[in-house]
Every structure is written in structure tokens, then in C-alpha cells.
Amino acid sequence: MFDDAIRLATKLLESDDDYLNIVMNLCQIGNKKYGQCWNTEFHVFGVISSDTDHLPLIHVRERCSAEFLVKSDKELAEIVEYYRSDVVIACNLIVSSKNV
């Protein structure tokens, strides 16, 4: 499971592709590891998950209107930029941690 955290964190450092799914998975891994992801290296993924829980994941996008997707993509782009430095720090902590 924690090998998955390293793989996902590395992927997120390389690209914003599949951002929401990766963030959600990292939040879940943090919750499993600590009981809650808060105040851990996974904290930011919990915050982003909470802030984006209304945005469509990849498997739902085909059912959404074009107008909704444009709004959602704009909001997600703003969130990605807002949290970018925190995400980079968290991902680097996860990747460099031997205990993950």
C-alpha cells in the first residue's frame, strides 16, 4: 500500500494528469496509515480532497455537460496552482520517506 503512495507521489510530481484521482488515493493511504491524514505528510491531500469533492473524477466526466466540465476544469486548475508548493513538499516527503 505504501509503495503505492511513493508511486502516486512520484507521478504527481511529474504531471498534473489524473490529479484528482491521485489526490484522493493519497488521502486514503494517509488515512489508512495514520487513522486520519491530518497533521501528517498526507494532510494537504485531505484538504484538497475536501475542497474538490464536488468535482467530477475521470470515470464520471463522460456523464457531465460540457459547460459543467469547463467550470470544473477551471476550478481544478486554480486549486492545483494554489496548492502546488504544498503538494510538492508533501510528495517529496512521501517519496523520500523509508517508513511509507
C-alpha atoms as a PDB file:
ATOM      1  CA  MET A   1       0.000   0.000   0.000  1.00  0.00           C
ATOM      2  CA  PHE A   2       2.710   2.499   0.907  1.00  0.00           C
ATOM      3  CA  ASP A   3       4.659   1.597  -2.218  1.00  0.00           C
ATOM      4  CA  ASP A   4       1.548   2.929  -3.938  1.00  0.00           C
ATOM      5  CA  ALA A   5       1.971   6.214  -2.048  1.00  0.00           C
ATOM      6  CA  ILE A   6       5.504   6.573  -3.378  1.00  0.00           C
ATOM      7  CA  ARG A   7       4.389   5.694  -6.907  1.00  0.00           C
ATOM      8  CA  LEU A   8       1.460   8.140  -6.788  1.00  0.00           C
ATOM      9  CA  ALA A   9       3.506  10.940  -5.221  1.00  0.00           C
ATOM     10  CA  THR A  10       6.160  10.493  -7.893  1.00  0.00           C
ATOM     11  CA  LYS A  11       3.506  10.601 -10.607  1.00  0.00           C
ATOM     12  CA  LEU A  12       2.050  13.791  -9.124  1.00  0.00           C
ATOM     13  CA  LEU A  13       5.494  15.413  -9.064  1.00  0.00           C
ATOM     14  CA  GLU A  14       5.891  14.636 -12.758  1.00  0.00           C
ATOM     15  CA  SER A  15       2.455  15.677 -14.033  1.00  0.00           C
ATOM     16  CA  ASP A  16      -0.976  17.004 -13.127  1.00  0.00           C
ATOM     17  CA  ASP A  17      -2.601  14.236 -15.192  1.00  0.00           C
ATOM     18  CA  ASP A  18      -5.252  12.398 -13.198  1.00  0.00           C
ATOM     19  CA  TYR A  19      -4.708  14.906 -10.376  1.00  0.00           C
ATOM     20  CA  LEU A  20      -7.993  14.352  -8.550  1.00  0.00           C
ATOM     21  CA  ASN A  21      -7.764  10.571  -8.528  1.00  0.00           C
ATOM     22  CA  ILE A  22      -4.166  10.671  -7.301  1.00  0.00           C
ATOM     23  CA  VAL A  23      -5.002  13.170  -4.560  1.00  0.00           C
ATOM     24  CA  MET A  24      -7.973  11.079  -3.416  1.00  0.00           C
ATOM     25  CA  ASN A  25      -5.827   7.934  -3.337  1.00  0.00           C
ATOM     26  CA  LEU A  26      -3.058   9.651  -1.372  1.00  0.00           C
ATOM     27  CA  CYS A  27      -5.628  10.918   1.123  1.00  0.00           C
ATOM     28  CA  GLN A  28      -6.969   7.382   1.556  1.00  0.00           C
ATOM     29  CA  ILE A  29      -3.468   5.975   2.031  1.00  0.00           C
ATOM     30  CA  GLY A  30      -2.731   8.621   4.664  1.00  0.00           C
ATOM     31  CA  ASN A  31      -5.982   7.786   6.444  1.00  0.00           C
ATOM     32  CA  LYS A  32      -5.110   4.087   6.437  1.00  0.00           C
ATOM     33  CA  LYS A  33      -1.573   4.694   7.656  1.00  0.00           C
ATOM     34  CA  TYR A  34      -2.409   7.122  10.468  1.00  0.00           C
ATOM     35  CA  GLY A  35      -6.133   6.676  11.088  1.00  0.00           C
ATOM     36  CA  GLN A  36      -6.503  10.235   9.767  1.00  0.00           C
ATOM     37  CA  CYS A  37      -4.295  12.080   7.315  1.00  0.00           C
ATOM     38  CA  TRP A  38      -4.422  15.350   9.285  1.00  0.00           C
ATOM     39  CA  ASN A  39      -1.122  16.770  10.556  1.00  0.00           C
ATOM     40  CA  THR A  40       0.901  14.230   8.564  1.00  0.00           C
ATOM     41  CA  GLU A  41       2.721  14.341   5.252  1.00  0.00           C
ATOM     42  CA  PHE A  42      -0.654  13.397   3.703  1.00  0.00           C
ATOM     43  CA  HIS A  43      -2.504  16.390   5.215  1.00  0.00           C
ATOM     44  CA  VAL A  44      -2.642  18.504   2.055  1.00  0.00           C
ATOM     45  CA  PHE A  45      -4.286  15.642   0.171  1.00  0.00           C
ATOM     46  CA  GLY A  46      -7.088  15.573   2.741  1.00  0.00           C
ATOM     47  CA  VAL A  47      -7.559  19.317   2.363  1.00  0.00           C
ATOM     48  CA  ILE A  48      -7.659  19.104  -1.428  1.00  0.00           C
ATOM     49  CA  SER A  49      -9.991  16.100  -1.317  1.00  0.00           C
ATOM     50  CA  SER A  50     -12.367  18.074   0.859  1.00  0.00           C
ATOM     51  CA  ASP A  51     -12.128  21.161  -1.383  1.00  0.00           C
ATOM     52  CA  THR A  52     -12.755  19.167  -4.562  1.00  0.00           C
ATOM     53  CA  ASP A  53     -15.307  16.562  -3.517  1.00  0.00           C
ATOM     54  CA  HIS A  54     -17.871  18.174  -5.826  1.00  0.00           C
ATOM     55  CA  LEU A  55     -15.654  17.957  -8.934  1.00  0.00           C
ATOM     56  CA  PRO A  56     -16.055  15.020 -11.321  1.00  0.00           C
ATOM     57  CA  LEU A  57     -13.497  12.223 -11.320  1.00  0.00           C
ATOM     58  CA  ILE A  58     -12.421  10.733 -14.641  1.00  0.00           C
ATOM     59  CA  HIS A  59     -14.986   7.934 -14.596  1.00  0.00           C
ATOM     60  CA  VAL A  60     -17.846  10.457 -14.154  1.00  0.00           C
ATOM     61  CA  ARG A  61     -16.762  13.082 -16.684  1.00  0.00           C
ATOM     62  CA  GLU A  62     -18.473  11.429 -19.657  1.00  0.00           C
ATOM     63  CA  ARG A  63     -21.820  11.961 -17.928  1.00  0.00           C
ATOM     64  CA  CYS A  64     -21.253  15.687 -17.341  1.00  0.00           C
ATOM     65  CA  SER A  65     -22.269  18.569 -19.551  1.00  0.00           C
ATOM     66  CA  ALA A  66     -19.586  20.457 -21.443  1.00  0.00           C
ATOM     67  CA  GLU A  67     -20.470  23.619 -19.513  1.00  0.00           C
ATOM     68  CA  PHE A  68     -20.033  21.890 -16.158  1.00  0.00           C
ATOM     69  CA  LEU A  69     -16.704  20.395 -17.257  1.00  0.00           C
ATOM     70  CA  VAL A  70     -15.379  23.807 -18.309  1.00  0.00           C
ATOM     71  CA  LYS A  71     -16.279  25.243 -14.894  1.00  0.00           C
ATOM     72  CA  SER A  72     -14.874  22.215 -13.086  1.00  0.00           C
ATOM     73  CA  ASP A  73     -11.618  22.237 -15.038  1.00  0.00           C
ATOM     74  CA  LYS A  74     -11.144  25.941 -14.349  1.00  0.00           C
ATOM     75  CA  GLU A  75     -11.734  25.429 -10.634  1.00  0.00           C
ATOM     76  CA  LEU A  76      -9.395  22.440 -10.552  1.00  0.00           C
ATOM     77  CA  ALA A  77      -6.653  24.402 -12.336  1.00  0.00           C
ATOM     78  CA  GLU A  78      -6.950  27.120  -9.681  1.00  0.00           C
ATOM     79  CA  ILE A  79      -6.747  24.536  -6.892  1.00  0.00           C
ATOM     80  CA  VAL A  80      -3.727  22.850  -8.470  1.00  0.00           C
ATOM     81  CA  GLU A  81      -1.888  26.164  -8.638  1.00  0.00           C
ATOM     82  CA  TYR A  82      -2.952  27.258  -5.155  1.00  0.00           C
ATOM     83  CA  TYR A  83      -1.723  24.061  -3.502  1.00  0.00           C
ATOM     84  CA  ARG A  84       1.205  23.336  -5.835  1.00  0.00           C
ATOM     85  CA  SER A  85       4.023  24.166  -3.397  1.00  0.00           C
ATOM     86  CA  ASP A  86       2.350  22.256  -0.539  1.00  0.00           C
ATOM     87  CA  VAL A  87       1.776  19.259  -2.804  1.00  0.00           C
ATOM     88  CA  VAL A  88       5.398  19.270  -3.967  1.00  0.00           C
ATOM     89  CA  ILE A  89       6.607  19.350  -0.359  1.00  0.00           C
ATOM     90  CA  ALA A  90       4.243  16.530   0.660  1.00  0.00           C
ATOM     91  CA  CYS A  91       5.132  14.396  -2.351  1.00  0.00           C
ATOM     92  CA  ASN A  92       8.838  14.840  -1.712  1.00  0.00           C
ATOM     93  CA  LEU A  93       8.344  13.814   1.925  1.00  0.00           C
ATOM     94  CA  ILE A  94       6.455  10.705   0.852  1.00  0.00           C
ATOM     95  CA  VAL A  95       8.974   9.755  -1.823  1.00  0.00           C
ATOM     96  CA  SER A  96      11.949  10.260   0.487  1.00  0.00           C
ATOM     97  CA  SER A  97      10.380   8.515   3.489  1.00  0.00           C
ATOM     98  CA  LYS A  98      11.567   4.995   4.240  1.00  0.00           C
ATOM     99  CA  ASN A  99       8.609   4.445   6.574  1.00  0.00           C
ATOM    100  CA  VAL A 100       5.902   4.972   3.966  1.00  0.00           C
END
